[in-house]
Amino acid sequence: MPKDLFCIQYTNCTGCPNVNENILVYRNLPKGAHIPKDKCTQNCMLFMIKGELLINSEEYPGNILREKQFILQAIGSKIELLALTDVEYIVYWFNELPLLCEERYREITEQAEAPLTYTPLIMNERLHYLITSMPEFLGEESPCSKFIELKCKELAFLITNYYPTPQLSSFFYPISTYTKSFHYFVMQNYTVKNVEEFAHLGGYTTTTFRRLFKNLYGIPVYEWILEKKREGILEDLQRTNMRITEICNRYGFDSLSHF
């Protein structure tokens, strides 16, 4: 794209917040490129523009994604990618969809159920036009954050309002299952000694676990753990006959002085 066409050449963007680089990502991989299996720290949708991409995840084990197909992977899920040809695709990362019609999305999620086999959805004409236009503005020197936010809203609208409910209920089902399982894991194990031990129990690196936790709960994991321990300790002191040493051990403190 010629440099003189960048909007930054004509617009004073001083003071405008920078776009989050992880919201919309355009990827162009050569044949044979491999992205090792890793846990998603946010929900993501993958939209194929060109080529064949082998995906390996719990929902799509050994599936080949082709032009116009798209899938959803929920936060906490694991995904591995291998380019069987030269490929181009868009990844949309999000915690919550920027909905224009919450009632419609509520209808979809209330009917969510696991399909016998997960099948990629096919982009309709409107969605395909939107996706194939994204590499151009994402490739600009300084993509406009507000413009990208509008594109994300348009993307969510075209998916939630232009496909039948049964298809979408299956498509969005993984979001609820992974979120619930992560919450369950957190509530069962928050009495660990530290964040590193917490992450290890879940099979995460510490960095990934911190990011995943912050995305779901909105606060750093260490602050959340301390608050939960404080609530539990006060409850035990007021309502049980447990000794101080027992409470200390129960909540993972190394010593009474640390407690």
C-alpha atoms as a PDB file:
ATOM      1  CA  MET A   1       0.000   0.000   0.000  1.00  0.00           C
ATOM      2  CA  PRO A   2       1.536   3.400  -0.994  1.00  0.00           C
ATOM      3  CA  LYS A   3       2.730   5.321   2.015  1.00  0.00           C
ATOM      4  CA  ASP A   4       0.824   8.469   1.028  1.00  0.00           C
ATOM      5  CA  LEU A   5      -2.453   6.611   1.544  1.00  0.00           C
ATOM      6  CA  PHE A   6      -1.890   6.035   5.264  1.00  0.00           C
ATOM      7  CA  CYS A   7      -4.443   7.996   7.269  1.00  0.00           C
ATOM      8  CA  ILE A   8      -1.609   8.979   9.607  1.00  0.00           C
ATOM      9  CA  GLN A   9      -0.315  11.255   6.833  1.00  0.00           C
ATOM     10  CA  TYR A  10      -3.430  13.417   7.091  1.00  0.00           C
ATOM     11  CA  THR A  11      -4.671  12.935  10.651  1.00  0.00           C
ATOM     12  CA  ASN A  12      -3.255  14.170  13.930  1.00  0.00           C
ATOM     13  CA  CYS A  13      -3.505  11.112  16.191  1.00  0.00           C
ATOM     14  CA  THR A  14      -1.629  12.635  19.137  1.00  0.00           C
ATOM     15  CA  GLY A  15      -3.349  11.639  22.352  1.00  0.00           C
ATOM     16  CA  CYS A  16      -5.440   8.899  20.760  1.00  0.00           C
ATOM     17  CA  PRO A  17      -4.882   5.609  22.631  1.00  0.00           C
ATOM     18  CA  ASN A  18      -2.844   3.030  20.763  1.00  0.00           C
ATOM     19  CA  VAL A  19      -4.605  -0.056  19.537  1.00  0.00           C
ATOM     20  CA  ASN A  20      -4.130  -3.282  21.447  1.00  0.00           C
ATOM     21  CA  GLU A  21      -1.955  -5.247  19.055  1.00  0.00           C
ATOM     22  CA  ASN A  22      -3.551  -8.518  20.121  1.00  0.00           C
ATOM     23  CA  ILE A  23      -7.128  -7.666  19.175  1.00  0.00           C
ATOM     24  CA  LEU A  24      -6.923  -8.325  15.439  1.00  0.00           C
ATOM     25  CA  VAL A  25      -3.851 -10.025  13.979  1.00  0.00           C
ATOM     26  CA  TYR A  26      -3.120 -10.756  10.327  1.00  0.00           C
ATOM     27  CA  ARG A  27      -0.816 -13.734   9.798  1.00  0.00           C
ATOM     28  CA  ASN A  28       0.916 -14.787   6.587  1.00  0.00           C
ATOM     29  CA  LEU A  29       2.781 -18.074   7.049  1.00  0.00           C
ATOM     30  CA  PRO A  30       4.864 -20.015   4.521  1.00  0.00           C
ATOM     31  CA  LYS A  31       4.287 -23.692   3.843  1.00  0.00           C
ATOM     32  CA  GLY A  32       5.665 -25.817   6.684  1.00  0.00           C
ATOM     33  CA  ALA A  33       5.473 -23.119   9.361  1.00  0.00           C
ATOM     34  CA  HIS A  34       4.569 -24.627  12.725  1.00  0.00           C
ATOM     35  CA  ILE A  35       3.080 -22.979  15.803  1.00  0.00           C
ATOM     36  CA  PRO A  36       3.505 -25.388  18.777  1.00  0.00           C
ATOM     37  CA  LYS A  37       0.563 -26.255  20.984  1.00  0.00           C
ATOM     38  CA  ASP A  38      -0.083 -23.644  23.644  1.00  0.00           C
ATOM     39  CA  LYS A  39      -2.947 -22.532  25.882  1.00  0.00           C
ATOM     40  CA  CYS A  40      -5.037 -19.596  24.718  1.00  0.00           C
ATOM     41  CA  THR A  41      -4.926 -16.724  27.185  1.00  0.00           C
ATOM     42  CA  GLN A  42      -8.039 -15.206  25.589  1.00  0.00           C
ATOM     43  CA  ASN A  43     -10.924 -16.424  23.477  1.00  0.00           C
ATOM     44  CA  CYS A  44     -10.024 -16.325  19.802  1.00  0.00           C
ATOM     45  CA  MET A  45     -11.576 -16.778  16.378  1.00  0.00           C
ATOM     46  CA  LEU A  46      -9.471 -17.819  13.397  1.00  0.00           C
ATOM     47  CA  PHE A  47     -10.639 -16.815   9.903  1.00  0.00           C
ATOM     48  CA  MET A  48      -8.988 -18.428   6.875  1.00  0.00           C
ATOM     49  CA  ILE A  49      -8.293 -16.156   3.898  1.00  0.00           C
ATOM     50  CA  LYS A  50      -6.041 -18.388   1.820  1.00  0.00           C
ATOM     51  CA  GLY A  51      -4.443 -21.849   1.829  1.00  0.00           C
ATOM     52  CA  GLU A  52      -4.717 -24.926   4.050  1.00  0.00           C
ATOM     53  CA  LEU A  53      -3.929 -24.898   7.757  1.00  0.00           C
ATOM     54  CA  LEU A  54      -3.779 -28.047   9.892  1.00  0.00           C
ATOM     55  CA  ILE A  55      -5.196 -27.403  13.350  1.00  0.00           C
ATOM     56  CA  ASN A  56      -4.933 -29.685  16.338  1.00  0.00           C
ATOM     57  CA  SER A  57      -7.068 -28.966  19.409  1.00  0.00           C
ATOM     58  CA  GLU A  58      -9.594 -30.809  21.546  1.00  0.00           C
ATOM     59  CA  GLU A  59     -12.476 -29.479  19.432  1.00  0.00           C
ATOM     60  CA  TYR A  60     -10.714 -29.779  16.068  1.00  0.00           C
ATOM     61  CA  PRO A  61      -8.268 -32.722  16.290  1.00  0.00           C
ATOM     62  CA  GLY A  62      -6.309 -32.963  13.046  1.00  0.00           C
ATOM     63  CA  ASN A  63      -8.730 -30.761  11.080  1.00  0.00           C
ATOM     64  CA  ILE A  64      -7.670 -28.889   7.945  1.00  0.00           C
ATOM     65  CA  LEU A  65      -8.990 -25.348   7.677  1.00  0.00           C
ATOM     66  CA  ARG A  66      -9.505 -23.931   4.203  1.00  0.00           C
ATOM     67  CA  GLU A  67     -10.456 -20.631   2.593  1.00  0.00           C
ATOM     68  CA  LYS A  68     -13.610 -18.991   4.047  1.00  0.00           C
ATOM     69  CA  GLN A  69     -13.749 -21.321   7.067  1.00  0.00           C
ATOM     70  CA  PHE A  70     -13.544 -20.029  10.634  1.00  0.00           C
ATOM     71  CA  ILE A  71     -13.449 -21.528  14.133  1.00  0.00           C
ATOM     72  CA  LEU A  72     -13.535 -20.455  17.768  1.00  0.00           C
ATOM     73  CA  GLN A  73     -11.115 -21.526  20.507  1.00  0.00           C
ATOM     74  CA  ALA A  74     -11.996 -20.664  24.086  1.00  0.00           C
ATOM     75  CA  ILE A  75      -9.756 -19.169  26.728  1.00  0.00           C
ATOM     76  CA  GLY A  76      -7.733 -21.928  28.375  1.00  0.00           C
ATOM     77  CA  SER A  77      -7.942 -24.300  25.407  1.00  0.00           C
ATOM     78  CA  LYS A  78      -4.848 -25.644  23.653  1.00  0.00           C
ATOM     79  CA  ILE A  79      -4.196 -25.222  19.935  1.00  0.00           C
ATOM     80  CA  GLU A  80      -1.417 -26.245  17.526  1.00  0.00           C
ATOM     81  CA  LEU A  81      -1.077 -25.064  13.922  1.00  0.00           C
ATOM     82  CA  LEU A  82       0.822 -26.302  10.842  1.00  0.00           C
ATOM     83  CA  ALA A  83       0.739 -24.569   7.449  1.00  0.00           C
ATOM     84  CA  LEU A  84       0.215 -27.225   4.746  1.00  0.00           C
ATOM     85  CA  THR A  85       0.500 -24.520   2.082  1.00  0.00           C
ATOM     86  CA  ASP A  86       1.249 -20.824   2.159  1.00  0.00           C
ATOM     87  CA  VAL A  87      -1.553 -19.472   4.330  1.00  0.00           C
ATOM     88  CA  GLU A  88      -3.171 -16.175   5.242  1.00  0.00           C
ATOM     89  CA  TYR A  89      -5.601 -15.761   8.099  1.00  0.00           C
ATOM     90  CA  ILE A  90      -6.973 -13.331  10.648  1.00  0.00           C
ATOM     91  CA  VAL A  91      -7.058 -14.021  14.405  1.00  0.00           C
ATOM     92  CA  TYR A  92      -9.495 -12.090  16.581  1.00  0.00           C
ATOM     93  CA  TRP A  93      -8.643 -12.128  20.314  1.00  0.00           C
ATOM     94  CA  PHE A  94     -11.283 -11.139  22.862  1.00  0.00           C
ATOM     95  CA  ASN A  95     -12.464 -11.578  26.427  1.00  0.00           C
ATOM     96  CA  GLU A  96     -16.063 -10.580  25.741  1.00  0.00           C
ATOM     97  CA  LEU A  97     -17.686  -9.928  22.378  1.00  0.00           C
ATOM     98  CA  PRO A  98     -18.499  -6.259  21.656  1.00  0.00           C
ATOM     99  CA  LEU A  99     -22.208  -6.901  21.192  1.00  0.00           C
ATOM    100  CA  LEU A 100     -24.672  -4.645  19.429  1.00  0.00           C
ATOM    101  CA  CYS A 101     -27.554  -6.990  20.277  1.00  0.00           C
ATOM    102  CA  GLU A 102     -27.159  -8.585  23.710  1.00  0.00           C
ATOM    103  CA  GLU A 103     -30.608 -10.170  23.546  1.00  0.00           C
ATOM    104  CA  ARG A 104     -29.608 -12.125  20.449  1.00  0.00           C
ATOM    105  CA  TYR A 105     -26.387 -13.361  22.053  1.00  0.00           C
ATOM    106  CA  ARG A 106     -28.275 -14.354  25.199  1.00  0.00           C
ATOM    107  CA  GLU A 107     -30.632 -16.425  23.042  1.00  0.00           C
ATOM    108  CA  ILE A 108     -27.623 -18.164  21.489  1.00  0.00           C
ATOM    109  CA  THR A 109     -25.848 -18.964  24.752  1.00  0.00           C
ATOM    110  CA  GLU A 110     -29.009 -20.149  26.502  1.00  0.00           C
ATOM    111  CA  GLN A 111     -29.346 -22.856  23.847  1.00  0.00           C
ATOM    112  CA  ALA A 112     -25.631 -23.708  23.762  1.00  0.00           C
ATOM    113  CA  GLU A 113     -24.895 -27.410  23.627  1.00  0.00           C
ATOM    114  CA  ALA A 114     -21.922 -29.512  22.619  1.00  0.00           C
ATOM    115  CA  PRO A 115     -22.129 -30.897  19.065  1.00  0.00           C
ATOM    116  CA  LEU A 116     -21.211 -34.484  18.319  1.00  0.00           C
ATOM    117  CA  THR A 117     -18.462 -33.125  16.068  1.00  0.00           C
ATOM    118  CA  TYR A 118     -17.226 -29.549  15.860  1.00  0.00           C
ATOM    119  CA  THR A 119     -17.415 -28.213  12.305  1.00  0.00           C
ATOM    120  CA  PRO A 120     -15.891 -24.924  11.078  1.00  0.00           C
ATOM    121  CA  LEU A 121     -18.405 -22.305   9.976  1.00  0.00           C
ATOM    122  CA  ILE A 122     -18.293 -20.866   6.451  1.00  0.00           C
ATOM    123  CA  MET A 123     -18.046 -17.117   5.976  1.00  0.00           C
ATOM    124  CA  ASN A 124     -21.030 -15.597   4.225  1.00  0.00           C
ATOM    125  CA  GLU A 125     -20.456 -12.863   1.637  1.00  0.00           C
ATOM    126  CA  ARG A 126     -20.619  -9.968   4.099  1.00  0.00           C
ATOM    127  CA  LEU A 127     -18.297 -11.586   6.616  1.00  0.00           C
ATOM    128  CA  HIS A 128     -15.853 -12.678   3.901  1.00  0.00           C
ATOM    129  CA  TYR A 129     -15.704  -9.142   2.522  1.00  0.00           C
ATOM    130  CA  LEU A 130     -14.946  -7.761   6.000  1.00  0.00           C
ATOM    131  CA  ILE A 131     -12.229 -10.343   6.741  1.00  0.00           C
ATOM    132  CA  THR A 132     -10.456  -9.972   3.380  1.00  0.00           C
ATOM    133  CA  SER A 133     -10.370  -6.181   3.806  1.00  0.00           C
ATOM    134  CA  MET A 134      -8.611  -6.391   7.184  1.00  0.00           C
ATOM    135  CA  PRO A 135      -4.992  -7.088   6.093  1.00  0.00           C
ATOM    136  CA  GLU A 136      -4.859  -3.739   4.318  1.00  0.00           C
ATOM    137  CA  PHE A 137      -5.629  -1.516   7.321  1.00  0.00           C
ATOM    138  CA  LEU A 138      -3.889  -3.823   9.802  1.00  0.00           C
ATOM    139  CA  GLY A 139      -0.749  -3.425   7.712  1.00  0.00           C
ATOM    140  CA  GLU A 140      -0.735   0.345   8.073  1.00  0.00           C
ATOM    141  CA  GLU A 141       2.063   1.996   9.994  1.00  0.00           C
ATOM    142  CA  SER A 142      -0.197   2.936  12.906  1.00  0.00           C
ATOM    143  CA  PRO A 143      -3.663   1.305  12.697  1.00  0.00           C
ATOM    144  CA  CYS A 144      -6.415   3.445  14.209  1.00  0.00           C
ATOM    145  CA  SER A 145      -7.623   1.934  17.482  1.00  0.00           C
ATOM    146  CA  LYS A 146     -11.129   3.360  17.208  1.00  0.00           C
ATOM    147  CA  PHE A 147     -11.499   2.053  13.660  1.00  0.00           C
ATOM    148  CA  ILE A 148     -10.417  -1.425  14.750  1.00  0.00           C
ATOM    149  CA  GLU A 149     -12.920  -1.343  17.628  1.00  0.00           C
ATOM    150  CA  LEU A 150     -15.663  -0.588  15.084  1.00  0.00           C
ATOM    151  CA  LYS A 151     -14.487  -3.473  12.905  1.00  0.00           C
ATOM    152  CA  CYS A 152     -14.638  -5.826  15.901  1.00  0.00           C
ATOM    153  CA  LYS A 153     -18.218  -4.759  16.591  1.00  0.00           C
ATOM    154  CA  GLU A 154     -19.100  -5.296  12.940  1.00  0.00           C
ATOM    155  CA  LEU A 155     -17.420  -8.708  13.040  1.00  0.00           C
ATOM    156  CA  ALA A 156     -19.380  -9.783  16.133  1.00  0.00           C
ATOM    157  CA  PHE A 157     -22.626  -8.492  14.611  1.00  0.00           C
ATOM    158  CA  LEU A 158     -22.160 -10.348  11.316  1.00  0.00           C
ATOM    159  CA  ILE A 159     -21.546 -13.612  13.167  1.00  0.00           C
ATOM    160  CA  THR A 160     -24.241 -13.432  15.847  1.00  0.00           C
ATOM    161  CA  ASN A 161     -26.989 -12.045  13.577  1.00  0.00           C
ATOM    162  CA  TYR A 162     -26.413 -13.708  10.200  1.00  0.00           C
ATOM    163  CA  TYR A 163     -26.232 -17.383  11.160  1.00  0.00           C
ATOM    164  CA  PRO A 164     -28.986 -19.665  12.511  1.00  0.00           C
ATOM    165  CA  THR A 165     -29.187 -20.156  16.254  1.00  0.00           C
ATOM    166  CA  PRO A 166     -28.428 -23.933  16.280  1.00  0.00           C
ATOM    167  CA  GLN A 167     -25.149 -23.359  14.428  1.00  0.00           C
ATOM    168  CA  LEU A 168     -24.104 -20.537  16.713  1.00  0.00           C
ATOM    169  CA  SER A 169     -25.118 -22.378  19.880  1.00  0.00           C
ATOM    170  CA  SER A 170     -22.639 -25.124  18.997  1.00  0.00           C
ATOM    171  CA  PHE A 171     -20.035 -22.631  17.823  1.00  0.00           C
ATOM    172  CA  PHE A 172     -20.003 -20.669  21.098  1.00  0.00           C
ATOM    173  CA  TYR A 173     -20.398 -23.681  23.408  1.00  0.00           C
ATOM    174  CA  PRO A 174     -16.641 -23.996  24.229  1.00  0.00           C
ATOM    175  CA  ILE A 175     -16.561 -20.515  25.773  1.00  0.00           C
ATOM    176  CA  SER A 176     -18.846 -21.495  28.630  1.00  0.00           C
ATOM    177  CA  THR A 177     -17.234 -24.885  29.241  1.00  0.00           C
ATOM    178  CA  TYR A 178     -13.644 -23.649  29.463  1.00  0.00           C
ATOM    179  CA  THR A 179     -14.573 -20.638  31.563  1.00  0.00           C
ATOM    180  CA  LYS A 180     -16.485 -22.772  34.031  1.00  0.00           C
ATOM    181  CA  SER A 181     -13.699 -25.343  34.281  1.00  0.00           C
ATOM    182  CA  PHE A 182     -11.061 -22.651  34.904  1.00  0.00           C
ATOM    183  CA  HIS A 183     -13.202 -21.021  37.595  1.00  0.00           C
ATOM    184  CA  TYR A 184     -13.669 -24.439  39.222  1.00  0.00           C
ATOM    185  CA  PHE A 185      -9.908 -25.074  39.155  1.00  0.00           C
ATOM    186  CA  VAL A 186      -9.213 -21.670  40.735  1.00  0.00           C
ATOM    187  CA  MET A 187     -11.745 -22.118  43.527  1.00  0.00           C
ATOM    188  CA  GLN A 188     -10.450 -25.592  44.344  1.00  0.00           C
ATOM    189  CA  ASN A 189      -6.771 -24.615  44.536  1.00  0.00           C
ATOM    190  CA  TYR A 190      -6.415 -20.973  45.637  1.00  0.00           C
ATOM    191  CA  THR A 191      -4.971 -21.989  49.047  1.00  0.00           C
ATOM    192  CA  VAL A 192      -1.602 -22.764  47.424  1.00  0.00           C
ATOM    193  CA  LYS A 193       1.521 -21.052  48.764  1.00  0.00           C
ATOM    194  CA  ASN A 194       2.235 -18.839  45.753  1.00  0.00           C
ATOM    195  CA  VAL A 195       1.330 -17.996  42.162  1.00  0.00           C
ATOM    196  CA  GLU A 196       4.068 -20.232  40.739  1.00  0.00           C
ATOM    197  CA  GLU A 197       2.627 -23.294  42.497  1.00  0.00           C
ATOM    198  CA  PHE A 198      -0.874 -22.285  41.357  1.00  0.00           C
ATOM    199  CA  ALA A 199       0.257 -22.107  37.724  1.00  0.00           C
ATOM    200  CA  HIS A 200       2.136 -25.422  37.953  1.00  0.00           C
ATOM    201  CA  LEU A 201      -0.960 -27.237  39.250  1.00  0.00           C
ATOM    202  CA  GLY A 202      -2.865 -26.156  36.159  1.00  0.00           C
ATOM    203  CA  GLY A 203      -0.083 -26.996  33.730  1.00  0.00           C
ATOM    204  CA  TYR A 204       0.556 -23.335  32.826  1.00  0.00           C
ATOM    205  CA  THR A 205       3.685 -21.249  32.724  1.00  0.00           C
ATOM    206  CA  THR A 206       3.532 -18.528  35.378  1.00  0.00           C
ATOM    207  CA  THR A 207       3.341 -15.770  32.749  1.00  0.00           C
ATOM    208  CA  THR A 208       0.485 -17.454  30.886  1.00  0.00           C
ATOM    209  CA  PHE A 209      -1.411 -18.154  34.095  1.00  0.00           C
ATOM    210  CA  ARG A 210      -1.119 -14.547  35.275  1.00  0.00           C
ATOM    211  CA  ARG A 211      -2.414 -13.262  31.938  1.00  0.00           C
ATOM    212  CA  LEU A 212      -5.237 -15.819  31.782  1.00  0.00           C
ATOM    213  CA  PHE A 213      -6.309 -15.042  35.349  1.00  0.00           C
ATOM    214  CA  LYS A 214      -6.204 -11.271  34.813  1.00  0.00           C
ATOM    215  CA  ASN A 215      -8.329 -11.598  31.659  1.00  0.00           C
ATOM    216  CA  LEU A 216     -11.013 -13.570  33.510  1.00  0.00           C
ATOM    217  CA  TYR A 217     -11.050 -11.893  36.924  1.00  0.00           C
ATOM    218  CA  GLY A 218      -9.860  -8.379  36.137  1.00  0.00           C
ATOM    219  CA  ILE A 219      -7.236  -8.204  38.918  1.00  0.00           C
ATOM    220  CA  PRO A 220      -3.747  -9.719  39.422  1.00  0.00           C
ATOM    221  CA  VAL A 221      -3.844 -13.284  40.703  1.00  0.00           C
ATOM    222  CA  TYR A 222      -1.711 -12.522  43.791  1.00  0.00           C
ATOM    223  CA  GLU A 223      -4.108  -9.791  44.975  1.00  0.00           C
ATOM    224  CA  TRP A 224      -7.074 -12.105  44.433  1.00  0.00           C
ATOM    225  CA  ILE A 225      -5.429 -14.958  46.368  1.00  0.00           C
ATOM    226  CA  LEU A 226      -4.663 -12.722  49.353  1.00  0.00           C
ATOM    227  CA  GLU A 227      -8.232 -11.426  49.454  1.00  0.00           C
ATOM    228  CA  LYS A 228      -9.695 -14.940  49.267  1.00  0.00           C
ATOM    229  CA  LYS A 229      -7.354 -16.194  51.972  1.00  0.00           C
ATOM    230  CA  ARG A 230      -8.259 -13.232  54.171  1.00  0.00           C
ATOM    231  CA  GLU A 231     -11.978 -14.022  53.793  1.00  0.00           C
ATOM    232  CA  GLY A 232     -11.407 -17.700  54.567  1.00  0.00           C
ATOM    233  CA  ILE A 233      -9.188 -17.015  57.575  1.00  0.00           C
ATOM    234  CA  LEU A 234     -11.701 -14.610  59.127  1.00  0.00           C
ATOM    235  CA  GLU A 235     -14.460 -17.154  58.545  1.00  0.00           C
ATOM    236  CA  ASP A 236     -12.442 -19.914  60.249  1.00  0.00           C
ATOM    237  CA  LEU A 237     -11.477 -17.688  63.185  1.00  0.00           C
ATOM    238  CA  GLN A 238     -15.056 -16.579  63.817  1.00  0.00           C
ATOM    239  CA  ARG A 239     -16.995 -19.758  63.097  1.00  0.00           C
ATOM    240  CA  THR A 240     -14.730 -22.723  63.875  1.00  0.00           C
ATOM    241  CA  ASN A 241     -12.653 -24.038  66.753  1.00  0.00           C
ATOM    242  CA  MET A 242      -9.566 -24.567  64.584  1.00  0.00           C
ATOM    243  CA  ARG A 243      -6.233 -23.689  66.134  1.00  0.00           C
ATOM    244  CA  ILE A 244      -4.074 -20.944  64.635  1.00  0.00           C
ATOM    245  CA  THR A 245      -1.490 -23.479  63.464  1.00  0.00           C
ATOM    246  CA  GLU A 246      -4.193 -25.475  61.647  1.00  0.00           C
ATOM    247  CA  ILE A 247      -5.491 -22.378  59.889  1.00  0.00           C
ATOM    248  CA  CYS A 248      -1.935 -21.374  59.025  1.00  0.00           C
ATOM    249  CA  ASN A 249      -1.283 -24.743  57.368  1.00  0.00           C
ATOM    250  CA  ARG A 250      -4.667 -24.803  55.665  1.00  0.00           C
ATOM    251  CA  TYR A 251      -3.964 -21.587  53.754  1.00  0.00           C
ATOM    252  CA  GLY A 252      -0.431 -22.466  52.735  1.00  0.00           C
ATOM    253  CA  PHE A 253       1.617 -20.195  55.029  1.00  0.00           C
ATOM    254  CA  ASP A 254       5.173 -21.360  55.719  1.00  0.00           C
ATOM    255  CA  SER A 255       5.225 -20.117  59.299  1.00  0.00           C
ATOM    256  CA  LEU A 256       3.121 -18.432  61.981  1.00  0.00           C
ATOM    257  CA  SER A 257       5.130 -15.228  61.581  1.00  0.00           C
ATOM    258  CA  HIS A 258       4.307 -15.169  57.844  1.00  0.00           C
ATOM    259  CA  PHE A 259       0.666 -15.891  58.713  1.00  0.00           C
END
